[in-house]
Protein backbone atom coordinates (compact mmCIF):
# COMPACT_ATOMS: atom_id res chain seq x y z
CA MET A 1 -3.31 -10.67 9.42
CA ASN A 2 -5.69 -7.56 7.62
CA THR A 3 -4.54 -4.99 5.77
CA TRP A 4 -6.72 -1.76 3.89
CA ILE A 5 -6.25 -1.15 0.10
CA TYR A 6 -6.70 2.51 -1.12
CA LYS A 7 -6.05 4.64 -4.18
CA GLY A 8 -5.64 7.82 -4.32
CA SER A 9 -6.83 10.57 -6.63
CA ARG A 10 -4.14 11.57 -8.94
CA LYS A 11 -2.03 8.17 -8.68
CA PRO A 12 -3.83 5.47 -11.24
CA ASP A 13 -2.93 2.16 -10.49
CA THR A 14 -0.75 3.21 -7.45
CA TYR A 15 -1.92 1.48 -3.80
CA ILE A 16 -1.16 2.01 -0.30
CA TYR A 17 -1.62 -1.41 1.95
CA VAL A 18 -2.04 -0.04 5.56
CA SER A 19 -2.85 -2.46 8.85
CA SER A 20 -5.13 -0.25 10.32
CA GLU A 21 -8.43 0.72 8.55
CA ASN A 22 -7.72 4.69 7.38
CA ASP A 23 -4.61 4.89 9.13
CA PHE A 24 -1.97 6.23 7.58
CA SER A 25 0.39 7.89 10.22
CA ALA A 26 3.06 5.36 8.89
CA VAL A 27 3.18 7.06 5.52
CA PRO A 28 5.31 9.10 4.55
CA ASP A 29 3.78 13.10 3.95
CA ALA A 30 5.74 13.27 0.59
CA ILE A 31 4.29 9.89 -0.55
CA LEU A 32 0.26 11.22 0.60
CA GLY A 33 0.78 14.56 -0.92
CA LEU A 34 1.71 12.50 -4.29
CA MET A 35 -1.32 10.32 -4.06
CA GLY A 36 -4.35 12.94 -3.25
CA GLU A 37 -7.76 12.04 -1.51
CA MET A 38 -7.12 8.60 -0.19
CA GLN A 39 -10.11 6.25 -1.33
CA PHE A 40 -10.71 2.75 -0.05
CA VAL A 41 -10.74 -0.04 -2.17
CA LEU A 42 -10.85 -3.46 -0.11
CA GLU A 43 -9.54 -5.46 2.89
CA VAL A 44 -7.65 -8.58 3.33
CA ASP A 45 -7.05 -10.89 5.37
CA LEU A 46 -3.48 -12.03 4.40
CA ALA A 47 -3.21 -15.08 6.22
CA GLU A 48 -6.06 -16.98 4.10
CA ARG A 49 -3.99 -15.89 0.40
CA GLU A 50 -1.48 -17.62 -0.83
CA LYS A 51 -0.85 -14.74 -3.53
CA LEU A 52 -2.01 -11.39 -4.52
CA ALA A 53 -3.09 -10.58 -8.13
CA LEU A 54 -0.42 -7.85 -8.66
CA ALA A 55 1.81 -8.07 -6.09
CA ASP A 56 4.46 -10.38 -4.08
CA ILE A 57 2.42 -11.31 -0.60
CA ASP A 58 5.62 -12.19 1.13
CA ALA A 59 7.19 -8.70 0.06
CA VAL A 60 3.32 -6.91 1.36
CA ARG A 61 3.73 -9.23 4.76
CA GLN A 62 7.38 -7.91 5.37
CA GLN A 63 7.07 -4.20 4.56
CA LEU A 64 3.68 -4.44 6.70
CA ALA A 65 5.88 -5.59 9.91
CA SER A 66 8.33 -3.58 9.33
CA GLN A 67 7.02 -0.15 7.89
CA GLY A 68 3.52 -0.05 8.99
CA PHE A 69 2.77 -0.29 4.46
CA TYR A 70 3.39 -1.20 1.27
CA ILE A 71 2.73 0.35 -1.92
CA GLN A 72 1.96 -1.37 -5.06
CA MET A 73 2.88 0.65 -7.96
CA PRO A 74 1.85 0.13 -11.96
CA PRO A 75 4.07 -2.80 -13.81
CA GLY A 76 7.49 -1.28 -14.31
CA ASP A 77 7.26 2.05 -12.18
CA LYS A 78 9.27 2.37 -8.94
CA VAL A 79 8.90 3.89 -5.76
CA PRO A 80 11.50 6.56 -5.28
CA GLU A 81 14.36 6.39 -2.87
CA LYS A 82 14.75 9.29 -1.55
CA VAL A 83 11.03 9.40 -0.80
CA CYS A 84 10.51 6.47 1.49
């Protein structure tokens, strides 16, 4: 299971993981608007990993499967419930 990781120009240390390269169709417009211009960071094969540096790999896999994206926020920050 591959994931493509992007960062936004407006939110430092915040990353969006998507299931398909350059496909943000599952990400709500409100979130994309907050992020700004998206910049590619890394492609990761989640099947070949047991853990990720700053994200729970099981949560990433589950959210990619269920909603098509995952948001990694800086430590201590939370995704607003009304946006998702």
